PDB file of N, CA and C in Angstrom:
ATOM      1  N   MET A   1      99.796 105.429  82.836  1.00  0.00           N
ATOM      2  CA  MET A   1      99.030 104.333  83.402  1.00  0.00           C
ATOM      3  C   MET A   1      99.667 103.924  84.721  1.00  0.00           C
ATOM      4  N   GLN A   2      98.821 103.473  85.633  1.00  0.00           N
ATOM      5  CA  GLN A   2      99.260 102.939  86.914  1.00  0.00           C
ATOM      6  C   GLN A   2      98.649 101.552  87.105  1.00  0.00           C
ATOM      7  N   ILE A   3      99.430 100.705  87.748  1.00  0.00           N
ATOM      8  CA  ILE A   3      98.908  99.409  88.186  1.00  0.00           C
ATOM      9  C   ILE A   3      99.157  99.319  89.674  1.00  0.00           C
ATOM     10  N   ILE A   4      98.093  99.052  90.417  1.00  0.00           N
ATOM     11  CA  ILE A   4      98.190  98.945  91.868  1.00  0.00           C
ATOM     12  C   ILE A   4      97.870  97.512  92.262  1.00  0.00           C
ATOM     13  N   ASN A   5      98.770  96.940  93.028  1.00  0.00           N
ATOM     14  CA  ASN A   5      98.613  95.577  93.530  1.00  0.00           C
ATOM     15  C   ASN A   5      98.205  95.663  94.995  1.00  0.00           C
ATOM     16  N   ILE A   6      97.049  95.094  95.326  1.00  0.00           N
ATOM     17  CA  ILE A   6      96.594  95.047  96.712  1.00  0.00           C
ATOM     18  C   ILE A   6      96.482  93.586  97.104  1.00  0.00           C
ATOM     19  N   SER A   7      97.203  93.245  98.169  1.00  0.00           N
ATOM     20  CA  SER A   7      97.239  91.850  98.577  1.00  0.00           C
ATOM     21  C   SER A   7      97.621  91.755 100.045  1.00  0.00           C
ATOM     22  N   VAL A   8      97.746  90.539 100.514  1.00  0.00           N
ATOM     23  CA  VAL A   8      98.252  90.237 101.851  1.00  0.00           C
ATOM     24  C   VAL A   8      99.055  88.945 101.760  1.00  0.00           C
ATOM     25  N   PRO A   9     100.103  88.823 102.563  1.00  0.00           N
ATOM     26  CA  PRO A   9     100.933  87.616 102.491  1.00  0.00           C
ATOM     27  C   PRO A   9     100.200  86.322 102.792  1.00  0.00           C
ATOM     28  N   TRP A  10      99.090  86.396 103.526  1.00  0.00           N
ATOM     29  CA  TRP A  10      98.376  85.168 103.870  1.00  0.00           C
ATOM     30  C   TRP A  10      97.398  84.717 102.787  1.00  0.00           C
ATOM     31  N   ALA A  11      97.203  85.525 101.743  1.00  0.00           N
ATOM     32  CA  ALA A  11      96.295  85.134 100.656  1.00  0.00           C
ATOM     33  C   ALA A  11      96.879  83.964  99.866  1.00  0.00           C
ATOM     34  N   LYS A  12      96.033  83.054  99.493  1.00  0.00           N
ATOM     35  CA  LYS A  12      96.458  81.837  98.790  1.00  0.00           C
ATOM     36  C   LYS A  12      97.276  82.150  97.537  1.00  0.00           C
ATOM     37  N   GLU A  13      96.869  83.146  96.771  1.00  0.00           N
ATOM     38  CA  GLU A  13      97.525  83.465  95.501  1.00  0.00           C
ATOM     39  C   GLU A  13      98.589  84.558  95.631  1.00  0.00           C
ATOM     40  N   TYR A  14      99.006  84.879  96.859  1.00  0.00           N
ATOM     41  CA  TYR A  14      99.930  85.990  97.095  1.00  0.00           C
ATOM     42  C   TYR A  14     101.226  85.859  96.295  1.00  0.00           C
ATOM     43  N   PHE A  15     101.910  84.741  96.413  1.00  0.00           N
ATOM     44  CA  PHE A  15     103.218  84.594  95.766  1.00  0.00           C
ATOM     45  C   PHE A  15     103.099  84.605  94.247  1.00  0.00           C
ATOM     46  N   GLN A  16     102.031  84.050  93.739  1.00  0.00           N
ATOM     47  CA  GLN A  16     101.777  84.056  92.303  1.00  0.00           C
ATOM     48  C   GLN A  16     101.576  85.493  91.801  1.00  0.00           C
ATOM     49  N   SER A  17     100.785  86.263  92.523  1.00  0.00           N
ATOM     50  CA  SER A  17     100.533  87.643  92.092  1.00  0.00           C
ATOM     51  C   SER A  17     101.777  88.512  92.255  1.00  0.00           C
ATOM     52  N   GLN A  18     102.567  88.270  93.297  1.00  0.00           N
ATOM     53  CA  GLN A  18     103.809  89.035  93.489  1.00  0.00           C
ATOM     54  C   GLN A  18     104.783  88.779  92.346  1.00  0.00           C
ATOM     55  N   LYS A  19     104.893  87.535  91.949  1.00  0.00           N
ATOM     56  CA  LYS A  19     105.782  87.192  90.841  1.00  0.00           C
ATOM     57  C   LYS A  19     105.334  87.901  89.561  1.00  0.00           C
ATOM     58  N   LEU A  20     104.048  87.873  89.280  1.00  0.00           N
ATOM     59  CA  LEU A  20     103.508  88.535  88.100  1.00  0.00           C
ATOM     60  C   LEU A  20     103.737  90.048  88.179  1.00  0.00           C
ATOM     61  N   PHE A  21     103.514  90.635  89.340  1.00  0.00           N
ATOM     62  CA  PHE A  21     103.688  92.070  89.520  1.00  0.00           C
ATOM     63  C   PHE A  21     105.145  92.473  89.247  1.00  0.00           C
ATOM     64  N   LYS A  22     106.080  91.706  89.757  1.00  0.00           N
ATOM     65  CA  LYS A  22     107.509  91.991  89.523  1.00  0.00           C
ATOM     66  C   LYS A  22     107.861  91.854  88.042  1.00  0.00           C
ATOM     67  N   GLU A  23     107.310  90.860  87.379  1.00  0.00           N
ATOM     68  CA  GLU A  23     107.521  90.687  85.934  1.00  0.00           C
ATOM     69  C   GLU A  23     107.037  91.915  85.171  1.00  0.00           C
ATOM     70  N   LEU A  24     105.850  92.385  85.525  1.00  0.00           N
ATOM     71  CA  LEU A  24     105.289  93.555  84.857  1.00  0.00           C
ATOM     72  C   LEU A  24     106.154  94.793  85.081  1.00  0.00           C
ATOM     73  N   GLN A  25     106.657  94.945  86.284  1.00  0.00           N
ATOM     74  CA  GLN A  25     107.540  96.081  86.580  1.00  0.00           C
ATOM     75  C   GLN A  25     108.782  96.051  85.696  1.00  0.00           C
ATOM     76  N   ASN A  26     109.313  94.876  85.471  1.00  0.00           N
ATOM     77  CA  ASN A  26     110.498  94.736  84.613  1.00  0.00           C
ATOM     78  C   ASN A  26     110.164  94.947  83.140  1.00  0.00           C
ATOM     79  N   ASP A  27     109.017  94.447  82.715  1.00  0.00           N
ATOM     80  CA  ASP A  27     108.637  94.503  81.300  1.00  0.00           C
ATOM     81  C   ASP A  27     108.072  95.853  80.873  1.00  0.00           C
ATOM     82  N   TYR A  28     107.529  96.609  81.824  1.00  0.00           N
ATOM     83  CA  TYR A  28     106.888  97.893  81.504  1.00  0.00           C
ATOM     84  C   TYR A  28     107.398  98.995  82.440  1.00  0.00           C
ATOM     85  N   PRO A  29     108.660  99.383  82.296  1.00  0.00           N
ATOM     86  CA  PRO A  29     109.238 100.375  83.214  1.00  0.00           C
ATOM     87  C   PRO A  29     108.571 101.754  83.128  1.00  0.00           C
ATOM     88  N   GLU A  30     107.854 102.018  82.065  1.00  0.00           N
ATOM     89  CA  GLU A  30     107.205 103.314  81.913  1.00  0.00           C
ATOM     90  C   GLU A  30     105.863 103.409  82.640  1.00  0.00           C
ATOM     91  N   ILE A  31     105.365 102.284  83.127  1.00  0.00           N
ATOM     92  CA  ILE A  31     104.131 102.262  83.908  1.00  0.00           C
ATOM     93  C   ILE A  31     104.483 102.475  85.379  1.00  0.00           C
ATOM     94  N   GLU A  32     103.638 103.228  86.072  1.00  0.00           N
ATOM     95  CA  GLU A  32     103.831 103.443  87.499  1.00  0.00           C
ATOM     96  C   GLU A  32     103.182 102.297  88.280  1.00  0.00           C
ATOM     97  N   PHE A  33     103.936 101.685  89.164  1.00  0.00           N
ATOM     98  CA  PHE A  33     103.457 100.550  89.948  1.00  0.00           C
ATOM     99  C   PHE A  33     103.430 100.920  91.423  1.00  0.00           C
ATOM    100  N   LYS A  34     102.354 100.504  92.108  1.00  0.00           N
ATOM    101  CA  LYS A  34     102.237 100.702  93.543  1.00  0.00           C
ATOM    102  C   LYS A  34     101.731  99.411  94.166  1.00  0.00           C
ATOM    103  N   GLU A  35     102.114  99.211  95.420  1.00  0.00           N
ATOM    104  CA  GLU A  35     101.641  98.039  96.157  1.00  0.00           C
ATOM    105  C   GLU A  35     101.091  98.485  97.501  1.00  0.00           C
ATOM    106  N   TYR A  36      99.968  97.888  97.894  1.00  0.00           N
ATOM    107  CA  TYR A  36      99.396  98.154  99.199  1.00  0.00           C
ATOM    108  C   TYR A  36      99.044  96.835  99.869  1.00  0.00           C
ATOM    109  N   ASP A  37      99.323  96.768 101.156  1.00  0.00           N
ATOM    110  CA  ASP A  37      98.957  95.618 101.966  1.00  0.00           C
ATOM    111  C   ASP A  37      97.547  95.856 102.504  1.00  0.00           C
ATOM    112  N   PHE A  38      96.658  94.925 102.265  1.00  0.00           N
ATOM    113  CA  PHE A  38      95.255  95.054 102.669  1.00  0.00           C
ATOM    114  C   PHE A  38      95.109  95.282 104.174  1.00  0.00           C
ATOM    115  N   ASP A  39      95.979  94.673 104.959  1.00  0.00           N
ATOM    116  CA  ASP A  39      95.884  94.783 106.410  1.00  0.00           C
ATOM    117  C   ASP A  39      96.451  96.088 106.963  1.00  0.00           C
ATOM    118  N   TYR A  40      97.381  96.723 106.262  1.00  0.00           N
ATOM    119  CA  TYR A  40      98.092  97.870 106.824  1.00  0.00           C
ATOM    120  C   TYR A  40      97.852  99.199 106.118  1.00  0.00           C
ATOM    121  N   ASN A  41      97.330  99.200 104.937  1.00  0.00           N
ATOM    122  CA  ASN A  41      97.120 100.434 104.172  1.00  0.00           C
ATOM    123  C   ASN A  41      95.626 100.730 104.043  1.00  0.00           C
ATOM    124  N   ARG A  42      94.942 100.849 105.157  1.00  0.00           N
ATOM    125  CA  ARG A  42      93.484 100.976 105.170  1.00  0.00           C
ATOM    126  C   ARG A  42      92.984 102.225 104.445  1.00  0.00           C
ATOM    127  N   LYS A  43      93.714 103.313 104.534  1.00  0.00           N
ATOM    128  CA  LYS A  43      93.266 104.544 103.877  1.00  0.00           C
ATOM    129  C   LYS A  43      93.148 104.319 102.360  1.00  0.00           C
ATOM    130  N   GLN A  44      94.177 103.730 101.753  1.00  0.00           N
ATOM    131  CA  GLN A  44      94.153 103.461 100.316  1.00  0.00           C
ATOM    132  C   GLN A  44      93.122 102.391  99.966  1.00  0.00           C
ATOM    133  N   ILE A  45      93.020 101.372 100.810  1.00  0.00           N
ATOM    134  CA  ILE A  45      92.064 100.288 100.565  1.00  0.00           C
ATOM    135  C   ILE A  45      90.644 100.854 100.551  1.00  0.00           C
ATOM    136  N   ASN A  46      90.336 101.702 101.516  1.00  0.00           N
ATOM    137  CA  ASN A  46      89.006 102.319 101.573  1.00  0.00           C
ATOM    138  C   ASN A  46      88.773 103.240 100.381  1.00  0.00           C
ATOM    139  N   TYR A  47      89.788 103.990  99.992  1.00  0.00           N
ATOM    140  CA  TYR A  47      89.651 104.897  98.860  1.00  0.00           C
ATOM    141  C   TYR A  47      89.270 104.142  97.585  1.00  0.00           C
ATOM    142  N   TYR A  48      89.929 103.009  97.355  1.00  0.00           N
ATOM    143  CA  TYR A  48      89.662 102.220  96.149  1.00  0.00           C
ATOM    144  C   TYR A  48      88.518 101.224  96.329  1.00  0.00           C
ATOM    145  N   GLN A  49      87.907 101.211  97.494  1.00  0.00           N
ATOM    146  CA  GLN A  49      86.767 100.350  97.785  1.00  0.00           C
ATOM    147  C   GLN A  49      87.051  98.882  97.456  1.00  0.00           C
ATOM    148  N   VAL A  50      88.133  98.395  98.034  1.00  0.00           N
ATOM    149  CA  VAL A  50      88.553  97.015  97.816  1.00  0.00           C
ATOM    150  C   VAL A  50      88.018  96.149  98.944  1.00  0.00           C
ATOM    151  N   GLY A  51      87.397  95.040  98.573  1.00  0.00           N
ATOM    152  CA  GLY A  51      86.896  94.086  99.553  1.00  0.00           C
ATOM    153  C   GLY A  51      87.931  93.018  99.851  1.00  0.00           C
ATOM    154  N   PRO A  52      87.537  91.986 100.564  1.00  0.00           N
ATOM    155  CA  PRO A  52      88.489  90.967 101.003  1.00  0.00           C
ATOM    156  C   PRO A  52      88.903  89.958  99.938  1.00  0.00           C
ATOM    157  N   MET A  53      88.363  90.054  98.725  1.00  0.00           N
ATOM    158  CA  MET A  53      88.763  89.121  97.672  1.00  0.00           C
ATOM    159  C   MET A  53      90.112  89.584  97.111  1.00  0.00           C
ATOM    160  N   LEU A  54      91.160  88.871  97.457  1.00  0.00           N
ATOM    161  CA  LEU A  54      92.529  89.273  97.136  1.00  0.00           C
ATOM    162  C   LEU A  54      93.287  88.120  96.493  1.00  0.00           C
ATOM    163  N   PRO A  55      94.348  88.434  95.787  1.00  0.00           N
ATOM    164  CA  PRO A  55      94.883  89.745  95.432  1.00  0.00           C
ATOM    165  C   PRO A  55      94.058  90.401  94.318  1.00  0.00           C
ATOM    166  N   ILE A  56      94.289  91.699  94.162  1.00  0.00           N
ATOM    167  CA  ILE A  56      93.597  92.465  93.130  1.00  0.00           C
ATOM    168  C   ILE A  56      94.588  93.436  92.489  1.00  0.00           C
ATOM    169  N   PHE A  57      94.503  93.568  91.191  1.00  0.00           N
ATOM    170  CA  PHE A  57      95.265  94.586  90.457  1.00  0.00           C
ATOM    171  C   PHE A  57      94.268  95.643  89.982  1.00  0.00           C
ATOM    172  N   LEU A  58      94.556  96.898  90.295  1.00  0.00           N
ATOM    173  CA  LEU A  58      93.760  98.018  89.803  1.00  0.00           C
ATOM    174  C   LEU A  58      94.535  98.688  88.679  1.00  0.00           C
ATOM    175  N   PHE A  59      93.855  99.017  87.608  1.00  0.00           N
ATOM    176  CA  PHE A  59      94.467  99.690  86.464  1.00  0.00           C
ATOM    177  C   PHE A  59      93.876 101.093  86.387  1.00  0.00           C
ATOM    178  N   LEU A  60      94.738 102.103  86.425  1.00  0.00           N
ATOM    179  CA  LEU A  60      94.300 103.487  86.397  1.00  0.00           C
ATOM    180  C   LEU A  60      94.936 104.219  85.231  1.00  0.00           C
ATOM    181  N   ASP A  61      94.176 105.157  84.703  1.00  0.00           N
ATOM    182  CA  ASP A  61      94.694 106.052  83.677  1.00  0.00           C
ATOM    183  C   ASP A  61      94.290 107.463  84.091  1.00  0.00           C
ATOM    184  N   ASN A  62      95.267 108.343  84.215  1.00  0.00           N
ATOM    185  CA  ASN A  62      95.010 109.706  84.710  1.00  0.00           C
ATOM    186  C   ASN A  62      94.265 109.678  86.043  1.00  0.00           C
ATOM    187  N   ASN A  63      94.690 108.781  86.924  1.00  0.00           N
ATOM    188  CA  ASN A  63      94.132 108.616  88.269  1.00  0.00           C
ATOM    189  C   ASN A  63      92.672 108.174  88.283  1.00  0.00           C
ATOM    190  N   GLN A  64      92.173 107.707  87.161  1.00  0.00           N
ATOM    191  CA  GLN A  64      90.819 107.167  87.082  1.00  0.00           C
ATOM    192  C   GLN A  64      90.892 105.658  86.859  1.00  0.00           C
ATOM    193  N   GLU A  65      90.178 104.909  87.662  1.00  0.00           N
ATOM    194  CA  GLU A  65      90.190 103.457  87.502  1.00  0.00           C
ATOM    195  C   GLU A  65      89.526 103.076  86.187  1.00  0.00           C
ATOM    196  N   ILE A  66      90.226 102.239  85.410  1.00  0.00           N
ATOM    197  CA  ILE A  66      89.649 101.770  84.156  1.00  0.00           C
ATOM    198  C   ILE A  66      89.173 100.324  84.259  1.00  0.00           C
ATOM    199  N   THR A  67      89.818  99.556  85.125  1.00  0.00           N
ATOM    200  CA  THR A  67      89.353  98.185  85.369  1.00  0.00           C
ATOM    201  C   THR A  67      90.106  97.632  86.571  1.00  0.00           C
ATOM    202  N   ARG A  68      89.641  96.485  87.045  1.00  0.00           N
ATOM    203  CA  ARG A  68      90.318  95.768  88.121  1.00  0.00           C
ATOM    204  C   ARG A  68      90.225  94.274  87.844  1.00  0.00           C
ATOM    205  N   LEU A  69      91.249  93.573  88.260  1.00  0.00           N
ATOM    206  CA  LEU A  69      91.293  92.123  88.087  1.00  0.00           C
ATOM    207  C   LEU A  69      91.496  91.463  89.446  1.00  0.00           C
ATOM    208  N   TYR A  70      90.595  90.545  89.794  1.00  0.00           N
ATOM    209  CA  TYR A  70      90.731  89.764  91.016  1.00  0.00           C
ATOM    210  C   TYR A  70      91.509  88.494  90.699  1.00  0.00           C
ATOM    211  N   ARG A  71      92.503  88.218  91.525  1.00  0.00           N
ATOM    212  CA  ARG A  71      93.357  87.044  91.331  1.00  0.00           C
ATOM    213  C   ARG A  71      93.840  86.994  89.875  1.00  0.00           C
ATOM    214  N   PRO A  72      94.562  88.024  89.467  1.00  0.00           N
ATOM    215  CA  PRO A  72      94.916  88.188  88.049  1.00  0.00           C
ATOM    216  C   PRO A  72      95.870  87.120  87.529  1.00  0.00           C
ATOM    217  N   THR A  73      95.650  86.766  86.278  1.00  0.00           N
ATOM    218  CA  THR A  73      96.586  85.897  85.574  1.00  0.00           C
ATOM    219  C   THR A  73      97.355  86.764  84.581  1.00  0.00           C
ATOM    220  N   LYS A  74      98.462  86.255  84.118  1.00  0.00           N
ATOM    221  CA  LYS A  74      99.264  87.001  83.154  1.00  0.00           C
ATOM    222  C   LYS A  74      98.457  87.281  81.886  1.00  0.00           C
ATOM    223  N   GLU A  75      97.700  86.309  81.428  1.00  0.00           N
ATOM    224  CA  GLU A  75      96.910  86.470  80.214  1.00  0.00           C
ATOM    225  C   GLU A  75      95.879  87.593  80.373  1.00  0.00           C
ATOM    226  N   GLU A  76      95.225  87.647  81.540  1.00  0.00           N
ATOM    227  CA  GLU A  76      94.237  88.695  81.789  1.00  0.00           C
ATOM    228  C   GLU A  76      94.889  90.074  81.806  1.00  0.00           C
ATOM    229  N   VAL A  77      96.038  90.164  82.448  1.00  0.00           N
ATOM    230  CA  VAL A  77      96.746  91.443  82.534  1.00  0.00           C
ATOM    231  C   VAL A  77      97.178  91.906  81.143  1.00  0.00           C
ATOM    232  N   LEU A  78      97.697  91.001  80.362  1.00  0.00           N
ATOM    233  CA  LEU A  78      98.140  91.359  79.020  1.00  0.00           C
ATOM    234  C   LEU A  78      96.973  91.846  78.146  1.00  0.00           C
ATOM    235  N   LYS A  79      95.796  91.250  78.320  1.00  0.00           N
ATOM    236  CA  LYS A  79      94.612  91.697  77.594  1.00  0.00           C
ATOM    237  C   LYS A  79      94.248  93.124  77.975  1.00  0.00           C
ATOM    238  N   VAL A  80      94.320  93.433  79.272  1.00  0.00           N
ATOM    239  CA  VAL A  80      94.028  94.794  79.730  1.00  0.00           C
ATOM    240  C   VAL A  80      95.047  95.774  79.160  1.00  0.00           C
ATOM    241  N   LEU A  81      96.309  95.413  79.216  1.00  0.00           N
ATOM    242  CA  LEU A  81      97.348  96.298  78.694  1.00  0.00           C
ATOM    243  C   LEU A  81      97.188  96.506  77.188  1.00  0.00           C
ATOM    244  N   GLN A  82      96.831  95.458  76.490  1.00  0.00           N
ATOM    245  CA  GLN A  82      96.638  95.573  75.048  1.00  0.00           C
ATOM    246  C   GLN A  82      95.462  96.502  74.733  1.00  0.00           C
ATOM    247  N   LYS A  83      94.431  96.447  75.522  1.00  0.00           N
ATOM    248  CA  LYS A  83      93.241  97.249  75.268  1.00  0.00           C
ATOM    249  C   LYS A  83      93.420  98.725  75.662  1.00  0.00           C
ATOM    250  N   PHE A  84      94.089  98.961  76.792  1.00  0.00           N
ATOM    251  CA  PHE A  84      94.116 100.308  77.353  1.00  0.00           C
ATOM    252  C   PHE A  84      95.468 101.006  77.292  1.00  0.00           C
ATOM    253  N   TYR A  85      96.539 100.280  76.985  1.00  0.00           N
ATOM    254  CA  TYR A  85      97.860 100.904  77.062  1.00  0.00           C
ATOM    255  C   TYR A  85      98.420 101.168  75.695  1.00  0.00           C
TER     256      TYR A  85
END
């Protein structure tokens, strides 16, 4: 499984999502984590068809997107992990 965090420092929920992302990295070392900046990683942003509603967590399994969460909360992420991981 992969979790991709797409955000920008100027987004209102940026620090909240960064904190959650770091927690997940510590709690689930077997999951692959990636981060992309919406303003600077345009190739990846276009590939995943991400719009300006940020931050967003993408959940992939075998390089296929299984779901995405806009402005994710810990509870929402845990539900996704429980269902798909």
